[in-house]
Protein backbone atom coordinates (compact mmCIF):
# COMPACT_ATOMS: atom_id res chain seq x y z
CA MET A 1 69.75 -34.93 52.23
CA GLU A 2 67.97 -38.17 53.08
CA ARG A 3 69.67 -40.42 55.62
CA VAL A 4 70.16 -44.05 54.72
CA ASN A 5 70.00 -46.70 57.42
CA MET A 6 73.21 -48.68 56.95
CA LYS A 7 72.19 -51.16 59.67
CA LYS A 8 69.50 -52.58 57.42
CA GLY A 9 70.60 -55.99 56.22
CA ARG A 10 70.75 -57.00 52.61
CA LYS A 11 68.51 -59.65 51.11
CA ILE A 12 70.49 -61.99 48.90
CA VAL A 13 68.48 -64.54 46.94
CA VAL A 14 70.35 -67.64 45.81
CA ALA A 15 68.54 -69.76 43.25
CA VAL A 16 69.22 -73.41 44.08
CA ASP A 17 68.39 -76.60 42.24
CA GLU A 18 69.69 -80.14 41.90
CA SER A 19 72.86 -79.06 40.10
CA GLU A 20 76.41 -78.77 41.36
CA GLU A 21 76.49 -75.34 39.72
CA SER A 22 73.86 -73.96 42.07
CA MET A 23 75.66 -75.32 45.14
CA HIS A 24 78.89 -73.78 43.85
CA ALA A 25 77.07 -70.44 43.45
CA LEU A 26 75.81 -70.71 47.04
CA SER A 27 79.32 -71.42 48.29
CA TRP A 28 80.70 -68.52 46.24
CA CYS A 29 78.02 -66.22 47.63
CA LEU A 30 78.88 -67.14 51.21
CA SER A 31 82.57 -66.56 50.59
CA ASN A 32 82.26 -63.34 48.63
CA LEU A 33 79.02 -61.53 49.47
CA VAL A 34 78.32 -62.37 53.11
CA SER A 35 80.77 -60.85 55.56
CA ARG A 36 81.26 -61.40 59.26
CA SER A 37 79.87 -57.96 60.10
CA SER A 38 76.95 -58.01 57.69
CA ASN A 39 73.35 -58.31 58.67
CA SER A 40 72.46 -60.09 55.43
CA THR A 41 69.65 -62.54 54.97
CA LEU A 42 70.32 -65.35 52.56
CA ILE A 43 67.16 -66.56 50.85
CA LEU A 44 67.41 -69.98 49.24
CA LEU A 45 64.93 -70.12 46.37
CA TYR A 46 63.95 -73.45 44.84
CA VAL A 47 61.54 -73.51 41.94
CA LYS A 48 59.59 -76.71 41.37
CA PRO A 49 58.41 -77.35 37.85
CA SER A 50 54.73 -76.73 37.24
CA PRO A 51 52.70 -79.86 37.75
CA ILE A 52 52.35 -81.68 34.47
CA ILE A 53 49.02 -83.15 35.53
CA TYR A 54 46.32 -80.68 36.44
CA SER A 55 43.59 -83.25 36.91
CA GLN A 56 43.18 -87.00 37.01
CA PHE A 57 42.92 -87.01 33.22
CA ASP A 58 45.85 -86.44 30.90
CA ALA A 59 45.64 -84.72 27.51
CA LYS A 60 44.49 -87.91 25.79
CA GLY A 61 41.79 -88.54 28.35
CA PHE A 62 43.50 -91.36 30.22
CA LEU A 63 42.68 -91.59 33.88
CA PHE A 64 45.55 -91.30 36.34
CA SER A 65 44.99 -93.01 39.66
CA GLY A 66 45.22 -91.06 42.87
CA ASP A 67 48.20 -93.24 43.76
CA VAL A 68 50.19 -92.03 40.75
CA ILE A 69 49.43 -88.40 41.51
CA ALA A 70 50.31 -88.89 45.19
CA ALA A 71 53.57 -90.61 44.24
CA MET A 72 54.49 -87.68 41.99
CA GLU A 73 53.79 -85.23 44.82
CA ARG A 74 55.90 -87.29 47.25
CA TYR A 75 58.76 -87.34 44.73
CA SER A 76 58.51 -83.57 44.29
CA SER A 77 58.59 -83.02 48.05
CA ALA A 78 61.55 -85.38 48.45
CA LEU A 79 63.41 -83.48 45.75
CA VAL A 80 62.81 -80.15 47.49
CA ASN A 81 64.02 -81.63 50.79
CA SER A 82 67.11 -83.10 49.14
CA VAL A 83 68.11 -79.79 47.53
CA MET A 84 67.55 -77.84 50.75
CA GLU A 85 69.56 -80.39 52.77
CA ARG A 86 72.47 -80.05 50.33
CA ALA A 87 72.24 -76.26 50.62
CA GLU A 88 72.18 -76.50 54.43
CA ALA A 89 75.36 -78.59 54.32
CA VAL A 90 77.05 -75.81 52.32
CA PHE A 91 76.13 -72.96 54.65
CA LYS A 92 76.70 -74.96 57.85
CA ASN A 93 80.36 -75.28 56.81
CA PHE A 94 80.54 -71.50 56.52
CA SER A 95 82.41 -69.94 59.44
CA ASN A 96 80.22 -66.84 59.80
CA PRO A 97 76.69 -67.03 61.19
CA VAL A 98 74.15 -66.24 58.50
CA ASN A 99 70.39 -65.73 58.55
CA VAL A 100 68.83 -68.19 56.12
CA GLU A 101 65.28 -68.38 54.80
CA LYS A 102 63.96 -71.05 52.46
CA VAL A 103 61.42 -70.25 49.77
CA VAL A 104 59.86 -72.87 47.49
CA ARG A 105 57.71 -71.83 44.55
CA ALA A 106 56.31 -73.64 41.53
CA GLY A 107 56.26 -72.62 37.89
CA GLU A 108 58.56 -71.69 35.03
CA ALA A 109 61.92 -71.09 36.75
CA LYS A 110 62.92 -67.94 34.88
CA ASP A 111 59.61 -66.19 35.57
CA VAL A 112 59.28 -67.38 39.15
CA ILE A 113 62.81 -66.29 40.04
CA CYS A 114 62.32 -62.80 38.59
CA ASN A 115 58.91 -62.39 40.26
CA THR A 116 60.15 -63.67 43.62
CA VAL A 117 63.16 -61.35 43.60
CA GLU A 118 60.84 -58.41 42.96
CA THR A 119 58.29 -59.51 45.58
CA LEU A 120 60.97 -60.02 48.25
CA GLU A 121 62.67 -56.73 47.29
CA ALA A 122 65.99 -58.55 47.05
CA ASP A 123 69.21 -56.59 46.84
CA THR A 124 71.06 -59.24 44.84
CA LEU A 125 70.27 -62.45 42.97
CA VAL A 126 72.98 -65.13 42.79
CA MET A 127 72.70 -68.11 40.50
CA GLY A 128 74.90 -70.71 38.91
CA SER A 129 75.50 -71.18 35.23
CA HIS A 130 75.21 -74.60 33.64
CA GLY A 131 77.56 -73.46 30.89
CA TYR A 132 75.44 -74.82 28.06
CA GLY A 133 76.76 -74.31 24.56
CA LEU A 134 74.93 -72.35 21.90
CA LEU A 135 72.75 -75.23 20.69
CA LYS A 136 71.52 -76.23 24.14
CA ARG A 137 70.86 -72.57 25.05
CA VAL A 138 68.81 -72.14 21.87
CA LEU A 139 66.83 -75.33 22.50
CA LEU A 140 66.46 -75.14 26.28
CA GLY A 141 66.81 -71.44 26.92
CA SER A 142 68.92 -69.94 29.64
CA VAL A 143 67.34 -69.16 32.97
CA SER A 144 70.37 -67.15 34.10
CA HIS A 145 70.38 -65.07 30.89
CA HIS A 146 66.67 -64.31 31.29
CA CYS A 147 67.13 -63.32 34.93
CA ALA A 148 70.16 -61.15 34.14
CA LYS A 149 68.02 -59.30 31.63
CA TYR A 150 64.72 -58.99 33.53
CA ALA A 151 65.34 -59.25 37.30
CA LYS A 152 64.73 -56.02 39.23
CA CYS A 153 68.04 -56.24 41.11
CA PRO A 154 71.71 -56.87 40.32
CA VAL A 155 72.35 -60.47 39.23
CA VAL A 156 75.56 -62.41 39.85
CA ILE A 157 76.00 -65.45 37.63
CA VAL A 158 78.68 -67.75 39.03
CA LYS A 159 80.53 -69.91 36.55
CA HIS A 160 81.59 -73.34 37.68
CA SER A 161 84.57 -74.70 35.79
CA PRO A 162 84.81 -78.50 35.40
CA SER A 163 88.11 -78.52 37.30
CA ASN A 164 86.47 -77.19 40.50
């Protein structure tokens, strides 16, 4: 019989974004999946949208100035910093010490999350649910539904009720 090393810590990936739902999922994860005696690593994953502009020319051939492109990059970086600062505020209020890593990737969120979970060999993926109705899910798609179906690890989708 093969021996399993129980001292090995778990890797828990929490997908975070600008939403309250993702911060609620992070808080839920800290309260329910990370224990005082665990050796877990919490990986905060933020997925930036793919850059809309791939060159200085847009699809119609208009020239974008370097200033516009630089401003868009600064905004993107500020957004990443803002989300990670909010996440830090959540886990700093947590009473147990926790190992935290931050990962930022770019692309289509549903694909990037599934690929990152597989690459990092995560034990669990935790994400919030926006609670979109049928019409919005059909039009926008559901990142959490896609990840629940295709991620290579167990997925916990945390609902956030409006009263919370």
